[in-house]
Amino acid sequence: AGSLAGATSVICTYPLDLIRARMSVQHMSHGGGMRHNFRAVFEADGAKGLYRGLAPTLVGILPYAGLAFFSFETLKIMVSQHYGTESVTAGQRFYCGVVAGFVAQSLTYPLDIVRRRMQTDGAHHHGKPAGPTAPLPPRKYHGILQTLRHVATREGIVGGLYKGLTMNWIKGPIAHGISFTTFDLLKRNFDIKPKSNR
């Protein structure tokens, strides 16, 4: 249910994420704003262009969420067993969430690279139009496996598929620690228990 909810949210908001990614790699002098980018993508690729890179995003949701929640719950059990307590403190929950986020991001990060490459493919050429008949350069990235191979071959595993991971290690795990801790404490304080089948 959680993965399905996440996938639905991603599908509904994906065009905005794509436009944001494209604008982030364009030079300000190109004058490409949100409206211009929407129009440029639609004219070049049609409606499907607004969803370039959606596949690796959806493929990454299941392992990412699964790894994060599995790691978090497993770490909580390990901590409670280590200290011989029935529950873990808020601080321990936070650190479990941080480690869970670290694990999930590290193992699924290449899919994030694929998503960004497919999103921004050709974005540099959608600034100020060169003319109505100016041909667009051919796409470099066409699918998940092709993009993974292309990046790994041209840029290497560490320098390509894991480029920028250290910055994600600063933001992501901390965000996971906060969100997991908040969720767990709210669930406990409101005494939310899974419904039993009757």
N, C-alpha and C. Protein backbone atom coordinates (compact mmCIF):
# COMPACT_ATOMS: atom_id res chain seq x y z
N ALA A 1 0.83 -1.20 0.00
CA ALA A 1 0.00 0.00 0.00
C ALA A 1 0.87 1.26 0.00
N GLY A 2 1.94 1.23 0.82
CA GLY A 2 2.82 2.39 0.89
C GLY A 2 3.53 2.64 -0.43
N SER A 3 3.98 1.55 -1.07
CA SER A 3 4.66 1.69 -2.35
C SER A 3 3.70 2.18 -3.42
N LEU A 4 2.46 1.67 -3.39
CA LEU A 4 1.44 2.09 -4.36
C LEU A 4 1.11 3.56 -4.18
N ALA A 5 1.02 4.00 -2.93
CA ALA A 5 0.74 5.41 -2.66
C ALA A 5 1.90 6.29 -3.15
N GLY A 6 3.12 5.83 -2.92
CA GLY A 6 4.28 6.58 -3.38
C GLY A 6 4.34 6.65 -4.89
N ALA A 7 4.02 5.53 -5.56
CA ALA A 7 4.03 5.50 -7.03
C ALA A 7 2.97 6.44 -7.59
N THR A 8 1.79 6.47 -6.98
CA THR A 8 0.72 7.35 -7.44
C THR A 8 1.13 8.81 -7.30
N SER A 9 1.75 9.14 -6.17
CA SER A 9 2.21 10.50 -5.94
C SER A 9 3.26 10.91 -6.96
N VAL A 10 4.20 10.00 -7.25
CA VAL A 10 5.26 10.29 -8.21
C VAL A 10 4.69 10.53 -9.60
N ILE A 11 3.75 9.67 -10.01
CA ILE A 11 3.16 9.80 -11.35
C ILE A 11 2.44 11.13 -11.51
N CYS A 12 1.72 11.54 -10.47
CA CYS A 12 0.93 12.78 -10.55
C CYS A 12 1.81 14.03 -10.58
N THR A 13 2.94 13.99 -9.91
CA THR A 13 3.78 15.20 -9.81
C THR A 13 5.05 15.12 -10.66
N TYR A 14 5.22 14.02 -11.40
CA TYR A 14 6.48 13.81 -12.11
C TYR A 14 6.83 14.92 -13.11
N PRO A 15 5.86 15.42 -13.92
CA PRO A 15 6.22 16.49 -14.86
C PRO A 15 6.86 17.70 -14.18
N LEU A 16 6.41 18.03 -12.97
CA LEU A 16 7.00 19.16 -12.26
C LEU A 16 8.44 18.85 -11.84
N ASP A 17 8.69 17.60 -11.43
CA ASP A 17 10.04 17.20 -11.05
C ASP A 17 10.96 17.23 -12.27
N LEU A 18 10.44 16.80 -13.43
CA LEU A 18 11.23 16.82 -14.65
C LEU A 18 11.61 18.24 -15.05
N ILE A 19 10.65 19.14 -15.00
CA ILE A 19 10.92 20.54 -15.37
C ILE A 19 11.91 21.17 -14.40
N ARG A 20 11.78 20.86 -13.11
CA ARG A 20 12.71 21.39 -12.11
C ARG A 20 14.12 20.91 -12.40
N ALA A 21 14.27 19.62 -12.73
CA ALA A 21 15.59 19.07 -13.02
C ALA A 21 16.19 19.72 -14.26
N ARG A 22 15.38 19.94 -15.29
CA ARG A 22 15.87 20.55 -16.52
C ARG A 22 16.29 22.00 -16.29
N MET A 23 15.51 22.73 -15.52
CA MET A 23 15.84 24.13 -15.25
C MET A 23 17.13 24.24 -14.43
N SER A 24 17.41 23.23 -13.60
CA SER A 24 18.59 23.29 -12.74
C SER A 24 19.89 23.16 -13.52
N VAL A 25 19.83 22.62 -14.75
CA VAL A 25 21.06 22.46 -15.53
C VAL A 25 21.15 23.45 -16.68
N GLN A 26 20.15 24.34 -16.79
CA GLN A 26 20.17 25.33 -17.86
C GLN A 26 20.79 26.63 -17.38
N HIS A 27 21.49 27.30 -18.27
CA HIS A 27 22.11 28.58 -17.93
C HIS A 27 21.04 29.66 -17.89
N MET A 28 21.17 30.60 -16.95
CA MET A 28 20.18 31.67 -16.80
C MET A 28 20.04 32.50 -18.07
N SER A 29 21.13 32.64 -18.83
CA SER A 29 21.08 33.47 -20.03
C SER A 29 20.19 32.87 -21.11
N HIS A 30 19.87 31.58 -20.97
CA HIS A 30 19.00 30.96 -21.96
C HIS A 30 17.56 31.45 -21.82
N GLY A 31 17.24 31.94 -20.66
CA GLY A 31 15.90 32.47 -20.44
C GLY A 31 14.82 31.41 -20.41
N GLY A 32 15.17 30.19 -20.11
CA GLY A 32 14.18 29.11 -20.10
C GLY A 32 13.47 29.01 -18.77
N GLY A 33 12.25 29.51 -18.68
CA GLY A 33 11.48 29.40 -17.46
C GLY A 33 10.61 28.15 -17.48
N MET A 34 9.74 28.01 -16.51
CA MET A 34 8.91 26.82 -16.39
C MET A 34 7.99 26.67 -17.60
N ARG A 35 7.33 27.75 -17.99
CA ARG A 35 6.41 27.67 -19.12
C ARG A 35 7.15 27.31 -20.41
N HIS A 36 8.30 27.93 -20.61
CA HIS A 36 9.09 27.65 -21.81
C HIS A 36 9.54 26.19 -21.85
N ASN A 37 9.96 25.65 -20.71
CA ASN A 37 10.42 24.27 -20.67
C ASN A 37 9.28 23.29 -20.91
N PHE A 38 8.12 23.56 -20.34
CA PHE A 38 6.96 22.71 -20.60
C PHE A 38 6.67 22.67 -22.10
N ARG A 39 6.68 23.86 -22.72
CA ARG A 39 6.38 23.95 -24.15
C ARG A 39 7.45 23.25 -24.98
N ALA A 40 8.73 23.45 -24.62
CA ALA A 40 9.83 22.86 -25.38
C ALA A 40 9.79 21.34 -25.32
N VAL A 41 9.54 20.78 -24.13
CA VAL A 41 9.48 19.32 -23.97
C VAL A 41 8.29 18.77 -24.75
N PHE A 42 7.14 19.45 -24.65
CA PHE A 42 5.93 18.96 -25.31
C PHE A 42 6.09 19.01 -26.83
N GLU A 43 6.71 20.07 -27.33
CA GLU A 43 6.89 20.19 -28.78
C GLU A 43 7.91 19.18 -29.31
N ALA A 44 8.92 18.86 -28.51
CA ALA A 44 9.96 17.94 -28.95
C ALA A 44 9.52 16.48 -28.86
N ASP A 45 8.84 16.11 -27.77
CA ASP A 45 8.54 14.69 -27.53
C ASP A 45 7.07 14.39 -27.29
N GLY A 46 6.24 15.42 -27.28
CA GLY A 46 4.84 15.17 -26.97
C GLY A 46 4.61 14.98 -25.48
N ALA A 47 3.42 14.51 -25.13
CA ALA A 47 3.07 14.34 -23.71
C ALA A 47 3.99 13.33 -23.02
N LYS A 48 4.44 12.30 -23.77
CA LYS A 48 5.31 11.29 -23.15
C LYS A 48 6.65 11.88 -22.73
N GLY A 49 7.05 13.00 -23.34
CA GLY A 49 8.30 13.64 -22.97
C GLY A 49 8.30 14.15 -21.53
N LEU A 50 7.11 14.47 -21.02
CA LEU A 50 6.99 14.96 -19.65
C LEU A 50 7.21 13.85 -18.63
N TYR A 51 7.30 12.61 -19.12
CA TYR A 51 7.49 11.46 -18.21
C TYR A 51 8.78 10.70 -18.52
N ARG A 52 9.74 11.37 -19.18
CA ARG A 52 11.04 10.74 -19.42
C ARG A 52 11.75 10.52 -18.09
N GLY A 53 12.20 9.29 -17.86
CA GLY A 53 12.86 8.96 -16.61
C GLY A 53 11.92 8.46 -15.53
N LEU A 54 10.63 8.32 -15.86
CA LEU A 54 9.67 7.83 -14.87
C LEU A 54 9.93 6.37 -14.52
N ALA A 55 10.31 5.57 -15.51
CA ALA A 55 10.52 4.13 -15.27
C ALA A 55 11.54 3.86 -14.16
N PRO A 56 12.76 4.45 -14.23
CA PRO A 56 13.70 4.18 -13.13
C PRO A 56 13.21 4.71 -11.78
N THR A 57 12.39 5.75 -11.81
CA THR A 57 11.84 6.27 -10.56
C THR A 57 10.90 5.25 -9.93
N LEU A 58 9.99 4.69 -10.74
CA LEU A 58 9.04 3.71 -10.23
C LEU A 58 9.74 2.42 -9.84
N VAL A 59 10.75 2.01 -10.65
CA VAL A 59 11.51 0.80 -10.34
C VAL A 59 12.26 0.96 -9.02
N GLY A 60 12.71 2.20 -8.74
CA GLY A 60 13.48 2.44 -7.53
C GLY A 60 12.65 2.57 -6.27
N ILE A 61 11.34 2.83 -6.42
CA ILE A 61 10.50 3.04 -5.24
C ILE A 61 10.42 1.78 -4.39
N LEU A 62 10.18 0.63 -5.01
CA LEU A 62 10.00 -0.62 -4.25
C LEU A 62 11.25 -1.02 -3.48
N PRO A 63 12.42 -1.14 -4.13
CA PRO A 63 13.60 -1.52 -3.33
C PRO A 63 14.00 -0.45 -2.33
N TYR A 64 13.83 0.83 -2.68
CA TYR A 64 14.23 1.90 -1.77
C TYR A 64 13.38 1.87 -0.50
N ALA A 65 12.06 1.87 -0.68
CA ALA A 65 11.16 1.85 0.48
C ALA A 65 11.32 0.55 1.26
N GLY A 66 11.44 -0.57 0.53
CA GLY A 66 11.58 -1.85 1.21
C GLY A 66 12.85 -1.93 2.03
N LEU A 67 13.97 -1.49 1.45
CA LEU A 67 15.25 -1.51 2.17
C LEU A 67 15.22 -0.58 3.38
N ALA A 68 14.63 0.60 3.20
CA ALA A 68 14.61 1.58 4.29
C ALA A 68 13.80 1.05 5.48
N PHE A 69 12.58 0.56 5.22
CA PHE A 69 11.73 0.09 6.31
C PHE A 69 12.28 -1.20 6.93
N PHE A 70 12.78 -2.11 6.10
CA PHE A 70 13.33 -3.36 6.62
C PHE A 70 14.55 -3.08 7.50
N SER A 71 15.43 -2.20 7.03
CA SER A 71 16.62 -1.86 7.81
C SER A 71 16.25 -1.20 9.13
N PHE A 72 15.27 -0.29 9.07
CA PHE A 72 14.86 0.43 10.27
C PHE A 72 14.30 -0.53 11.32
N GLU A 73 13.37 -1.40 10.91
CA GLU A 73 12.75 -2.32 11.86
C GLU A 73 13.77 -3.33 12.39
N THR A 74 14.66 -3.80 11.52
CA THR A 74 15.68 -4.76 11.94
C THR A 74 16.64 -4.13 12.95
N LEU A 75 17.04 -2.90 12.68
CA LEU A 75 17.96 -2.21 13.58
C LEU A 75 17.32 -1.95 14.94
N LYS A 76 16.04 -1.62 14.95
CA LYS A 76 15.34 -1.41 16.23
C LYS A 76 15.36 -2.68 17.07
N ILE A 77 15.12 -3.82 16.42
CA ILE A 77 15.14 -5.09 17.14
C ILE A 77 16.53 -5.38 17.68
N MET A 78 17.54 -5.13 16.86
CA MET A 78 18.93 -5.37 17.28
C MET A 78 19.31 -4.49 18.46
N VAL A 79 18.88 -3.23 18.42
CA VAL A 79 19.21 -2.30 19.51
C VAL A 79 18.52 -2.71 20.80
N SER A 80 17.23 -3.05 20.71
CA SER A 80 16.49 -3.45 21.91
C SER A 80 17.05 -4.74 22.51
N GLN A 81 17.49 -5.66 21.65
CA GLN A 81 18.10 -6.89 22.16
C GLN A 81 19.47 -6.63 22.79
N HIS A 82 20.21 -5.70 22.19
CA HIS A 82 21.54 -5.37 22.72
C HIS A 82 21.45 -4.77 24.12
N TYR A 83 20.46 -3.88 24.32
CA TYR A 83 20.32 -3.21 25.61
C TYR A 83 19.35 -3.94 26.54
N GLY A 84 18.73 -5.02 26.08
CA GLY A 84 17.83 -5.80 26.92
C GLY A 84 16.58 -5.05 27.31
N THR A 85 16.06 -4.22 26.40
CA THR A 85 14.84 -3.46 26.67
C THR A 85 13.75 -3.87 25.69
N GLU A 86 12.50 -3.56 26.05
CA GLU A 86 11.37 -3.91 25.19
C GLU A 86 11.15 -2.89 24.08
N SER A 87 11.64 -1.67 24.30
CA SER A 87 11.47 -0.62 23.29
C SER A 87 12.76 0.18 23.18
N VAL A 88 12.82 1.03 22.17
CA VAL A 88 14.00 1.86 21.96
C VAL A 88 13.64 3.32 22.21
N THR A 89 14.64 4.11 22.57
CA THR A 89 14.41 5.52 22.85
C THR A 89 14.28 6.31 21.55
N ALA A 90 13.87 7.56 21.69
CA ALA A 90 13.73 8.43 20.51
C ALA A 90 15.09 8.62 19.82
N GLY A 91 16.14 8.79 20.62
CA GLY A 91 17.47 8.95 20.06
C GLY A 91 17.93 7.71 19.30
N GLN A 92 17.63 6.52 19.86
CA GLN A 92 17.99 5.28 19.19
C GLN A 92 17.19 5.10 17.91
N ARG A 93 15.92 5.49 17.94
CA ARG A 93 15.10 5.43 16.72
C ARG A 93 15.70 6.32 15.63
N PHE A 94 16.14 7.51 16.05
CA PHE A 94 16.72 8.45 15.08
C PHE A 94 17.95 7.84 14.41
N TYR A 95 18.84 7.28 15.20
CA TYR A 95 20.06 6.69 14.63
C TYR A 95 19.75 5.47 13.77
N CYS A 96 18.73 4.70 14.16
CA CYS A 96 18.31 3.58 13.32
C CYS A 96 17.79 4.08 11.97
N GLY A 97 17.04 5.19 12.01
CA GLY A 97 16.52 5.78 10.78
C GLY A 97 17.64 6.32 9.90
N VAL A 98 18.65 6.91 10.53
CA VAL A 98 19.79 7.44 9.78
C VAL A 98 20.51 6.32 9.04
N VAL A 99 20.78 5.22 9.75
CA VAL A 99 21.47 4.09 9.13
C VAL A 99 20.61 3.45 8.05
N ALA A 100 19.30 3.35 8.30
CA ALA A 100 18.39 2.78 7.30
C ALA A 100 18.39 3.62 6.03
N GLY A 101 18.35 4.93 6.18
CA GLY A 101 18.40 5.82 5.03
C GLY A 101 19.72 5.71 4.28
N PHE A 102 20.80 5.57 5.04
CA PHE A 102 22.14 5.42 4.44
C PHE A 102 22.20 4.16 3.58
N VAL A 103 21.69 3.06 4.11
CA VAL A 103 21.71 1.78 3.39
C VAL A 103 20.86 1.86 2.12
N ALA A 104 19.62 2.35 2.28
CA ALA A 104 18.69 2.40 1.15
C ALA A 104 19.21 3.31 0.03
N GLN A 105 19.73 4.47 0.39
CA GLN A 105 20.23 5.39 -0.62
C GLN A 105 21.46 4.85 -1.32
N SER A 106 22.35 4.24 -0.58
CA SER A 106 23.59 3.72 -1.16
C SER A 106 23.31 2.63 -2.18
N LEU A 107 22.35 1.75 -1.90
CA LEU A 107 22.10 0.61 -2.77
C LEU A 107 21.24 0.97 -3.98
N THR A 108 20.44 2.01 -3.90
CA THR A 108 19.54 2.35 -5.01
C THR A 108 19.95 3.63 -5.74
N TYR A 109 21.07 4.24 -5.35
CA TYR A 109 21.47 5.52 -5.93
C TYR A 109 21.67 5.49 -7.45
N PRO A 110 22.23 4.41 -8.04
CA PRO A 110 22.38 4.40 -9.50
C PRO A 110 21.07 4.65 -10.26
N LEU A 111 19.95 4.19 -9.71
CA LEU A 111 18.66 4.44 -10.36
C LEU A 111 18.30 5.92 -10.33
N ASP A 112 18.74 6.61 -9.29
CA ASP A 112 18.52 8.05 -9.22
C ASP A 112 19.35 8.78 -10.28
N ILE A 113 20.57 8.29 -10.50
CA ILE A 113 21.42 8.85 -11.56
C ILE A 113 20.75 8.65 -12.92
N VAL A 114 20.21 7.46 -13.16
CA VAL A 114 19.53 7.17 -14.42
C VAL A 114 18.35 8.11 -14.61
N ARG A 115 17.58 8.30 -13.54
CA ARG A 115 16.42 9.19 -13.63
C ARG A 115 16.84 10.60 -14.02
N ARG A 116 17.86 11.14 -13.36
CA ARG A 116 18.30 12.51 -13.63
C ARG A 116 18.87 12.65 -15.04
N ARG A 117 19.62 11.64 -15.48
CA ARG A 117 20.20 11.72 -16.83
C ARG A 117 19.09 11.73 -17.88
N MET A 118 18.08 10.88 -17.69
CA MET A 118 16.99 10.83 -18.66
C MET A 118 16.14 12.09 -18.61
N GLN A 119 15.98 12.65 -17.42
CA GLN A 119 15.21 13.89 -17.28
C GLN A 119 15.87 15.06 -17.99
N THR A 120 17.18 15.17 -17.83
CA THR A 120 17.90 16.35 -18.33
C THR A 120 18.52 16.14 -19.71
N ASP A 121 18.30 14.98 -20.31
CA ASP A 121 18.83 14.70 -21.64
C ASP A 121 18.26 15.70 -22.65
N GLY A 122 19.13 16.53 -23.22
CA GLY A 122 18.68 17.54 -24.18
C GLY A 122 18.24 18.84 -23.57
N ALA A 123 18.28 18.96 -22.24
CA ALA A 123 17.80 20.18 -21.58
C ALA A 123 18.65 21.39 -21.96
N HIS A 124 19.94 21.18 -22.20
CA HIS A 124 20.84 22.28 -22.54
C HIS A 124 20.47 22.91 -23.87
N HIS A 125 19.74 22.17 -24.69
CA HIS A 125 19.40 22.67 -26.02
C HIS A 125 18.00 23.25 -26.07
N HIS A 126 17.34 23.33 -24.91
CA HIS A 126 16.01 23.89 -24.87
C HIS A 126 16.00 25.25 -24.19
N GLY A 127 17.05 26.01 -24.38
CA GLY A 127 17.08 27.38 -23.88
C GLY A 127 16.43 28.28 -24.89
N LYS A 128 17.10 29.34 -25.34
CA LYS A 128 16.55 30.18 -26.38
C LYS A 128 16.50 29.39 -27.68
N PRO A 129 15.37 29.33 -28.34
CA PRO A 129 15.25 28.55 -29.57
C PRO A 129 16.20 29.07 -30.63
N ALA A 130 16.87 28.12 -31.31
CA ALA A 130 17.76 28.50 -32.40
C ALA A 130 16.99 28.76 -33.68
N GLY A 131 15.73 28.42 -33.70
CA GLY A 131 14.91 28.63 -34.88
C GLY A 131 13.89 27.53 -34.99
N PRO A 132 12.79 27.78 -35.67
CA PRO A 132 11.72 26.78 -35.72
C PRO A 132 12.14 25.50 -36.44
N THR A 133 13.13 25.59 -37.33
CA THR A 133 13.54 24.40 -38.08
C THR A 133 14.86 23.82 -37.58
N ALA A 134 15.41 24.39 -36.51
CA ALA A 134 16.69 23.90 -35.99
C ALA A 134 16.54 22.49 -35.43
N PRO A 135 17.31 21.53 -35.93
CA PRO A 135 17.17 20.14 -35.45
C PRO A 135 17.72 19.99 -34.04
N LEU A 136 17.06 19.17 -33.26
CA LEU A 136 17.54 18.87 -31.92
C LEU A 136 18.56 17.73 -32.00
N PRO A 137 19.58 17.75 -31.15
CA PRO A 137 20.57 16.66 -31.16
C PRO A 137 19.92 15.35 -30.74
N PRO A 138 20.47 14.23 -31.18
CA PRO A 138 19.89 12.93 -30.80
C PRO A 138 20.01 12.68 -29.30
N ARG A 139 19.05 11.92 -28.78
CA ARG A 139 19.07 11.56 -27.36
C ARG A 139 20.23 10.62 -27.05
N LYS A 140 20.81 10.79 -25.87
CA LYS A 140 21.89 9.90 -25.43
C LYS A 140 21.36 8.76 -24.59
N TYR A 141 20.25 8.99 -23.89
CA TYR A 141 19.74 8.01 -22.94
C TYR A 141 18.34 7.57 -23.37
N HIS A 142 18.16 6.24 -23.49
CA HIS A 142 16.91 5.71 -24.03
C HIS A 142 16.19 4.73 -23.11
N GLY A 143 16.84 4.26 -22.08
CA GLY A 143 16.20 3.32 -21.17
C GLY A 143 17.09 3.07 -19.96
N ILE A 144 16.59 2.30 -19.01
CA ILE A 144 17.31 2.08 -17.76
C ILE A 144 18.64 1.37 -17.99
N LEU A 145 18.60 0.21 -18.63
CA LEU A 145 19.83 -0.58 -18.82
C LEU A 145 20.82 0.14 -19.73
N GLN A 146 20.31 0.77 -20.80
CA GLN A 146 21.20 1.48 -21.72
C GLN A 146 21.89 2.64 -21.03
N THR A 147 21.14 3.36 -20.18
CA THR A 147 21.72 4.49 -19.46
C THR A 147 22.74 4.01 -18.43
N LEU A 148 22.44 2.94 -17.72
CA LEU A 148 23.38 2.38 -16.76
C LEU A 148 24.69 1.99 -17.45
N ARG A 149 24.58 1.29 -18.59
CA ARG A 149 25.78 0.89 -19.33
C ARG A 149 26.55 2.09 -19.84
N HIS A 150 25.83 3.08 -20.37
CA HIS A 150 26.47 4.27 -20.94
C HIS A 150 27.27 5.02 -19.87
N VAL A 151 26.64 5.26 -18.73
CA VAL A 151 27.29 6.02 -17.65
C VAL A 151 28.46 5.22 -17.08
N ALA A 152 28.26 3.92 -16.85
CA ALA A 152 29.33 3.10 -16.27
C ALA A 152 30.53 3.00 -17.21
N THR A 153 30.26 2.89 -18.52
CA THR A 153 31.34 2.76 -19.49
C THR A 153 32.11 4.07 -19.66
N ARG A 154 31.37 5.17 -19.79
CA ARG A 154 32.01 6.46 -20.06
C ARG A 154 32.60 7.12 -18.81
N GLU A 155 31.94 6.95 -17.67
CA GLU A 155 32.36 7.69 -16.47
C GLU A 155 32.81 6.80 -15.33
N GLY A 156 32.59 5.51 -15.42
CA GLY A 156 32.99 4.60 -14.35
C GLY A 156 31.87 4.37 -13.33
N ILE A 157 32.09 3.39 -12.48
CA ILE A 157 31.08 3.06 -11.47
C ILE A 157 31.00 4.15 -10.41
N VAL A 158 32.15 4.44 -9.79
CA VAL A 158 32.17 5.43 -8.70
C VAL A 158 31.96 6.85 -9.23
N GLY A 159 32.68 7.20 -10.30
CA GLY A 159 32.60 8.56 -10.83
C GLY A 159 31.35 8.84 -11.63
N GLY A 160 30.62 7.79 -12.00
CA GLY A 160 29.42 7.98 -12.80
C GLY A 160 28.15 7.60 -12.07
N LEU A 161 28.01 6.31 -11.77
CA LEU A 161 26.78 5.81 -11.17
C LEU A 161 26.62 6.25 -9.71
N TYR A 162 27.71 6.63 -9.06
CA TYR A 162 27.62 7.09 -7.67
C TYR A 162 28.07 8.54 -7.51
N LYS A 163 28.05 9.27 -8.60
CA LYS A 163 28.44 10.68 -8.56
C LYS A 163 27.43 11.48 -7.75
N GLY A 164 27.91 12.22 -6.74
CA GLY A 164 27.03 13.03 -5.91
C GLY A 164 26.44 12.31 -4.72
N LEU A 165 26.82 11.03 -4.53
CA LEU A 165 26.24 10.25 -3.43
C LEU A 165 26.59 10.83 -2.07
N THR A 166 27.81 11.38 -1.94
CA THR A 166 28.22 11.91 -0.64
C THR A 166 27.32 13.05 -0.18
N MET A 167 26.84 13.86 -1.12
CA MET A 167 25.91 14.94 -0.75
C MET A 167 24.58 14.35 -0.28
N ASN A 168 24.15 13.26 -0.91
CA ASN A 168 22.91 12.60 -0.48
C ASN A 168 23.07 11.98 0.90
N TRP A 169 24.29 11.54 1.23
CA TRP A 169 24.53 10.98 2.56
C TRP A 169 24.34 12.02 3.65
N ILE A 170 24.56 13.29 3.31
CA ILE A 170 24.39 14.36 4.30
C ILE A 170 22.91 14.64 4.54
N LYS A 171 22.16 14.72 3.45
CA LYS A 171 20.74 15.10 3.56
C LYS A 171 19.82 13.93 3.84
N GLY A 172 19.93 12.87 3.01
CA GLY A 172 18.97 11.77 3.05
C GLY A 172 18.86 11.04 4.37
N PRO A 173 19.96 10.50 4.91
CA PRO A 173 19.86 9.76 6.16
C PRO A 173 19.30 10.58 7.32
N ILE A 174 19.67 11.85 7.39
CA ILE A 174 19.13 12.70 8.47
C ILE A 174 17.63 12.85 8.31
N ALA A 175 17.18 13.07 7.06
CA ALA A 175 15.74 13.20 6.80
C ALA A 175 15.02 11.91 7.16
N HIS A 176 15.63 10.77 6.83
CA HIS A 176 15.04 9.48 7.19
C HIS A 176 14.96 9.31 8.71
N GLY A 177 16.03 9.69 9.39
CA GLY A 177 16.03 9.57 10.84
C GLY A 177 14.91 10.36 11.47
N ILE A 178 14.71 11.59 10.99
CA ILE A 178 13.64 12.44 11.53
C ILE A 178 12.26 11.87 11.21
N SER A 179 12.05 11.47 9.93
CA SER A 179 10.73 11.00 9.52
C SER A 179 10.36 9.68 10.19
N PHE A 180 11.31 8.75 10.26
CA PHE A 180 11.04 7.46 10.90
C PHE A 180 10.77 7.63 12.39
N THR A 181 11.56 8.48 13.04
CA THR A 181 11.36 8.71 14.47
C THR A 181 10.00 9.35 14.74
N THR A 182 9.67 10.37 13.95
CA THR A 182 8.38 11.06 14.12
C THR A 182 7.22 10.10 13.90
N PHE A 183 7.30 9.31 12.82
CA PHE A 183 6.25 8.34 12.51
C PHE A 183 6.08 7.33 13.64
N ASP A 184 7.20 6.79 14.11
CA ASP A 184 7.15 5.77 15.16
C ASP A 184 6.58 6.32 16.46
N LEU A 185 7.02 7.52 16.84
CA LEU A 185 6.54 8.11 18.10
C LEU A 185 5.07 8.47 18.02
N LEU A 186 4.64 9.02 16.90
CA LEU A 186 3.22 9.36 16.74
C LEU A 186 2.36 8.10 16.76
N LYS A 187 2.84 7.04 16.10
CA LYS A 187 2.10 5.78 16.10
C LYS A 187 1.96 5.22 17.50
N ARG A 188 3.04 5.35 18.29
CA ARG A 188 3.00 4.83 19.66
C ARG A 188 2.11 5.70 20.56
N ASN A 189 2.23 7.03 20.41
CA ASN A 189 1.46 7.94 21.27
C ASN A 189 -0.04 7.87 20.98
N PHE A 190 -0.40 7.62 19.71
CA PHE A 190 -1.82 7.51 19.37
C PHE A 190 -2.31 6.07 19.44
N ASP A 191 -1.41 5.17 19.88
CA ASP A 191 -1.73 3.76 20.08
C ASP A 191 -2.33 3.15 18.82
N ILE A 192 -1.67 3.37 17.69
CA ILE A 192 -2.14 2.84 16.41
C ILE A 192 -1.62 1.42 16.25
N LYS A 193 -2.54 0.49 16.14
CA LYS A 193 -2.18 -0.91 15.97
C LYS A 193 -2.79 -1.43 14.68
N PRO A 194 -2.13 -2.40 14.01
CA PRO A 194 -2.70 -2.97 12.81
C PRO A 194 -4.03 -3.65 13.09
N LYS A 195 -4.96 -3.53 12.17
CA LYS A 195 -6.26 -4.16 12.34
C LYS A 195 -6.13 -5.67 12.21
N SER A 196 -6.82 -6.39 13.08
CA SER A 196 -6.79 -7.84 12.99
C SER A 196 -7.95 -8.32 12.13
N ASN A 197 -7.74 -9.39 11.39
CA ASN A 197 -8.82 -9.94 10.55
C ASN A 197 -9.79 -10.70 11.40
N ARG A 198 -11.04 -10.38 11.23
CA ARG A 198 -12.07 -11.07 12.02
C ARG A 198 -13.02 -11.81 11.09
